[in-house]
C-alpha atoms as a PDB file:
ATOM      1  CA  MET A   1       0.137   0.076  -0.008  1.00  0.00           C
ATOM      2  CA  MET A   2       1.466   3.329  -0.299  1.00  0.00           C
ATOM      3  CA  LEU A   3       0.722   6.505   1.151  1.00  0.00           C
ATOM      4  CA  PRO A   4       0.451  10.139  -0.546  1.00  0.00           C
ATOM      5  CA  MET A   5       3.344  12.263   0.076  1.00  0.00           C
ATOM      6  CA  SER A   6       2.631  14.775   2.755  1.00  0.00           C
ATOM      7  CA  PHE A   7       3.953  17.730   0.862  1.00  0.00           C
ATOM      8  CA  SER A   8       0.823  16.292  -1.484  1.00  0.00           C
ATOM      9  CA  VAL A   9      -1.440  16.086   1.210  1.00  0.00           C
ATOM     10  CA  GLU A  10      -1.107  19.643   2.720  1.00  0.00           C
ATOM     11  CA  GLU A  11      -1.224  20.921  -1.045  1.00  0.00           C
ATOM     12  CA  LYS A  12      -4.804  19.804  -1.281  1.00  0.00           C
ATOM     13  CA  SER A  13      -5.773  20.660   2.219  1.00  0.00           C
ATOM     14  CA  ARG A  14      -4.754  24.313   1.642  1.00  0.00           C
ATOM     15  CA  ILE A  15      -6.848  24.241  -2.106  1.00  0.00           C
ATOM     16  CA  ALA A  16      -9.906  22.419  -0.239  1.00  0.00           C
ATOM     17  CA  ALA A  17      -9.917  25.477   2.459  1.00  0.00           C
ATOM     18  CA  ALA A  18      -9.133  28.387   0.405  1.00  0.00           C
ATOM     19  CA  VAL A  19     -12.242  26.571  -1.686  1.00  0.00           C
ATOM     20  CA  LEU A  20     -14.509  26.179   1.495  1.00  0.00           C
ATOM     21  CA  ASP A  21     -13.623  30.290   2.540  1.00  0.00           C
ATOM     22  CA  ASP A  22     -14.543  31.192  -0.829  1.00  0.00           C
ATOM     23  CA  PHE A  23     -17.743  29.274  -0.648  1.00  0.00           C
ATOM     24  CA  VAL A  24     -18.662  30.699   2.445  1.00  0.00           C
ATOM     25  CA  GLU A  25     -18.286  34.254   1.990  1.00  0.00           C
ATOM     26  CA  VAL A  26     -20.113  33.841  -1.029  1.00  0.00           C
ATOM     27  CA  VAL A  27     -23.023  32.610   0.707  1.00  0.00           C
ATOM     28  CA  ALA A  28     -22.786  34.967   3.451  1.00  0.00           C
ATOM     29  CA  ALA A  29     -22.516  38.179   1.225  1.00  0.00           C
ATOM     30  CA  ASP A  30     -25.644  36.923  -0.917  1.00  0.00           C
ATOM     31  CA  ASP A  31     -27.930  35.877   2.171  1.00  0.00           C
ATOM     32  CA  PHE A  32     -27.091  39.016   3.827  1.00  0.00           C
ATOM     33  CA  GLY A  33     -30.316  40.825   2.935  1.00  0.00           C
ATOM     34  CA  TYR A  34     -32.477  37.806   2.922  1.00  0.00           C
ATOM     35  CA  PRO A  35     -33.496  38.548   6.711  1.00  0.00           C
ATOM     36  CA  MET A  36     -34.744  42.223   6.249  1.00  0.00           C
ATOM     37  CA  GLU A  37     -36.008  40.656   2.761  1.00  0.00           C
ATOM     38  CA  ALA A  38     -38.853  38.498   4.700  1.00  0.00           C
ATOM     39  CA  GLU A  39     -39.477  40.848   7.194  1.00  0.00           C
ATOM     40  CA  ASP A  40     -40.150  43.298   5.169  1.00  0.00           C
ATOM     41  CA  SER A  41     -42.992  40.598   3.478  1.00  0.00           C
ATOM     42  CA  VAL A  42     -44.635  39.467   6.271  1.00  0.00           C
ATOM     43  CA  PRO A  43     -47.354  41.932   6.552  1.00  0.00           C
ATOM     44  CA  THR A  44     -47.930  41.025   2.828  1.00  0.00           C
ATOM     45  CA  ALA A  45     -48.463  38.009   3.352  1.00  0.00           C
ATOM     46  CA  ARG A  46     -50.312  38.522   6.760  1.00  0.00           C
ATOM     47  CA  ALA A  47     -52.622  40.755   4.463  1.00  0.00           C
ATOM     48  CA  LYS A  48     -53.295  38.221   2.020  1.00  0.00           C
ATOM     49  CA  MET A  49     -53.803  35.271   3.969  1.00  0.00           C
ATOM     50  CA  PHE A  50     -56.694  37.282   5.778  1.00  0.00           C
ATOM     51  CA  GLY A  51     -58.267  38.245   2.985  1.00  0.00           C
ATOM     52  CA  LEU A  52     -58.173  34.631   1.244  1.00  0.00           C
ATOM     53  CA  GLY A  53     -60.171  33.621   4.587  1.00  0.00           C
ATOM     54  CA  ILE A  54     -62.679  36.453   3.794  1.00  0.00           C
ATOM     55  CA  CYS A  55     -63.016  34.790   0.536  1.00  0.00           C
ATOM     56  CA  MET A  56     -63.249  31.390   1.634  1.00  0.00           C
ATOM     57  CA  ALA A  57     -65.621  31.957   4.222  1.00  0.00           C
ATOM     58  CA  LEU A  58     -68.600  33.932   1.440  1.00  0.00           C
ATOM     59  CA  VAL A  59     -67.853  31.392  -0.576  1.00  0.00           C
ATOM     60  CA  ALA A  60     -68.971  29.241   1.852  1.00  0.00           C
ATOM     61  CA  LEU A  61     -71.754  31.084   2.719  1.00  0.00           C
ATOM     62  CA  ILE A  62     -72.976  31.233  -1.268  1.00  0.00           C
ATOM     63  CA  LEU A  63     -72.335  27.463  -1.417  1.00  0.00           C
ATOM     64  CA  ALA A  64     -74.503  27.040   1.718  1.00  0.00           C
ATOM     65  CA  LYS A  65     -77.303  29.459   0.844  1.00  0.00           C
ATOM     66  CA  PHE A  66     -77.518  28.087  -2.867  1.00  0.00           C
ATOM     67  CA  LEU A  67     -76.806  24.058  -1.745  1.00  0.00           C
ATOM     68  CA  ASP A  68     -79.483  24.717   1.420  1.00  0.00           C
ATOM     69  CA  ILE A  69     -76.918  22.821   3.451  1.00  0.00           C
ATOM     70  CA  SER A  70     -77.892  25.323   6.518  1.00  0.00           C
END
């Protein structure tokens, strides 16, 4: 069984560490604004869900009236 030379292992580990470091920087820079965007979209989503709930209740009442379920 042959083992790799120590300088080969060190070189590959340095390359892997540099790639991982670059990847972390890119991900951190890309997702920096995500929490602020998510926080800004909550009121809009809440209003849409409230409106959808009201619309579904009205549709249910209309269906109940036409189908004489009540």
